[in-house]
C-alpha atoms as a PDB file:
ATOM      1  CA  MET A   1      45.481-238.890   6.768  1.00  0.00           C
ATOM      2  CA  LYS A   2      46.933-236.786   9.557  1.00  0.00           C
ATOM      3  CA  ASN A   3      45.402-233.673   8.006  1.00  0.00           C
ATOM      4  CA  ASP A   4      42.066-235.490   7.699  1.00  0.00           C
ATOM      5  CA  ASN A   5      41.884-236.122  11.434  1.00  0.00           C
ATOM      6  CA  GLU A   6      42.999-232.607  12.303  1.00  0.00           C
ATOM      7  CA  ILE A   7      40.519-230.983   9.912  1.00  0.00           C
ATOM      8  CA  LEU A   8      37.721-233.176  11.223  1.00  0.00           C
ATOM      9  CA  LYS A   9      38.607-232.406  14.840  1.00  0.00           C
ATOM     10  CA  ILE A  10      38.576-228.647  14.191  1.00  0.00           C
ATOM     11  CA  PHE A  11      35.294-228.962  12.286  1.00  0.00           C
ATOM     12  CA  ASN A  12      33.623-231.059  14.980  1.00  0.00           C
ATOM     13  CA  GLU A  13      34.735-228.690  17.736  1.00  0.00           C
ATOM     14  CA  LEU A  14      33.526-225.621  15.848  1.00  0.00           C
ATOM     15  CA  PHE A  15      30.157-227.075  14.839  1.00  0.00           C
ATOM     16  CA  LYS A  16      29.707-229.238  17.940  1.00  0.00           C
ATOM     17  CA  THR A  17      29.222-232.344  15.818  1.00  0.00           C
ATOM     18  CA  ASN A  18      30.717-235.818  15.830  1.00  0.00           C
ATOM     19  CA  PHE A  19      31.379-236.674  12.190  1.00  0.00           C
ATOM     20  CA  HIS A  20      33.903-239.390  11.384  1.00  0.00           C
ATOM     21  CA  SER A  21      34.382-238.624   7.695  1.00  0.00           C
ATOM     22  CA  LEU A  22      35.305-235.583   5.623  1.00  0.00           C
ATOM     23  CA  ASP A  23      32.408-236.345   3.281  1.00  0.00           C
ATOM     24  CA  ILE A  24      30.391-233.414   4.651  1.00  0.00           C
ATOM     25  CA  ASP A  25      28.731-230.757   2.509  1.00  0.00           C
ATOM     26  CA  ARG A  26      27.698-227.286   3.659  1.00  0.00           C
ATOM     27  CA  SER A  27      24.085-228.121   2.781  1.00  0.00           C
ATOM     28  CA  GLN A  28      24.069-230.876   5.450  1.00  0.00           C
ATOM     29  CA  ILE A  29      24.888-228.496   8.320  1.00  0.00           C
ATOM     30  CA  PRO A  30      22.306-225.723   8.831  1.00  0.00           C
ATOM     31  CA  GLN A  31      24.650-223.651  10.991  1.00  0.00           C
ATOM     32  CA  TRP A  32      27.405-223.741   8.321  1.00  0.00           C
ATOM     33  CA  ASP A  33      26.740-220.240   7.052  1.00  0.00           C
ATOM     34  CA  SER A  34      29.222-217.719   5.656  1.00  0.00           C
ATOM     35  CA  MET A  35      30.321-216.582   9.115  1.00  0.00           C
ATOM     36  CA  LYS A  36      30.970-220.131  10.339  1.00  0.00           C
ATOM     37  CA  HIS A  37      32.736-220.883   7.066  1.00  0.00           C
ATOM     38  CA  ALA A  38      35.062-217.932   7.651  1.00  0.00           C
ATOM     39  CA  GLU A  39      35.652-219.046  11.238  1.00  0.00           C
ATOM     40  CA  LEU A  40      36.485-222.579  10.072  1.00  0.00           C
ATOM     41  CA  ILE A  41      38.927-221.287   7.474  1.00  0.00           C
ATOM     42  CA  ILE A  42      40.620-218.987  10.010  1.00  0.00           C
ATOM     43  CA  LYS A  43      40.995-221.850  12.502  1.00  0.00           C
ATOM     44  CA  LEU A  44      42.485-224.093   9.815  1.00  0.00           C
ATOM     45  CA  GLN A  45      44.890-221.404   8.620  1.00  0.00           C
ATOM     46  CA  ARG A  46      46.099-220.824  12.173  1.00  0.00           C
ATOM     47  CA  HIS A  47      46.341-224.528  12.988  1.00  0.00           C
ATOM     48  CA  PHE A  48      48.328-225.409   9.880  1.00  0.00           C
ATOM     49  CA  ALA A  49      50.200-222.052   9.679  1.00  0.00           C
ATOM     50  CA  ILE A  50      49.080-221.551   6.075  1.00  0.00           C
ATOM     51  CA  SER A  51      47.006-219.026   4.171  1.00  0.00           C
ATOM     52  CA  PHE A  52      44.462-219.315   1.398  1.00  0.00           C
ATOM     53  CA  LYS A  53      43.475-217.016  -1.436  1.00  0.00           C
ATOM     54  CA  THR A  54      40.039-215.470  -1.060  1.00  0.00           C
ATOM     55  CA  LYS A  55      38.830-217.022  -4.324  1.00  0.00           C
ATOM     56  CA  ASP A  56      39.802-220.478  -3.034  1.00  0.00           C
ATOM     57  CA  ILE A  57      38.005-219.935   0.265  1.00  0.00           C
ATOM     58  CA  ILE A  58      34.818-218.880  -1.495  1.00  0.00           C
ATOM     59  CA  ALA A  59      34.980-221.853  -3.867  1.00  0.00           C
ATOM     60  CA  THR A  60      34.990-224.492  -1.108  1.00  0.00           C
ATOM     61  CA  LYS A  61      31.611-226.091  -0.454  1.00  0.00           C
ATOM     62  CA  ASN A  62      32.550-229.195   1.544  1.00  0.00           C
ATOM     63  CA  LEU A  63      35.272-230.641   3.749  1.00  0.00           C
ATOM     64  CA  LEU A  64      36.819-232.680   0.946  1.00  0.00           C
ATOM     65  CA  GLU A  65      37.429-229.468  -1.009  1.00  0.00           C
ATOM     66  CA  ILE A  66      38.812-227.836   2.141  1.00  0.00           C
ATOM     67  CA  LYS A  67      41.131-230.829   2.647  1.00  0.00           C
ATOM     68  CA  ALA A  68      42.392-230.436  -0.920  1.00  0.00           C
ATOM     69  CA  LEU A  69      43.006-226.760  -0.236  1.00  0.00           C
ATOM     70  CA  VAL A  70      44.936-227.531   2.969  1.00  0.00           C
ATOM     71  CA  SER A  71      46.914-230.263   1.194  1.00  0.00           C
ATOM     72  CA  SER A  72      47.847-227.896  -1.615  1.00  0.00           C
ATOM     73  CA  ARG A  73      49.569-225.659   0.947  1.00  0.00           C
ATOM     74  CA  ASP A  74      51.558-228.394   2.721  1.00  0.00           C
END
């Protein structure tokens, strides 16, 4: 749950949104392009002091998948 709130806060700050759930898909956010995706991943890696494999980064299409990725590194 702690990770959920932190991921959502980072996402909302980056995309200037106000979502309250991690049930967000890239297709719902027009500005969530490959560059913003990379920026989000970098911010999460720095925040949680973790790193992801490139193949895992590319495979993520929504915040629930990103949460699973973050959780797998805790």
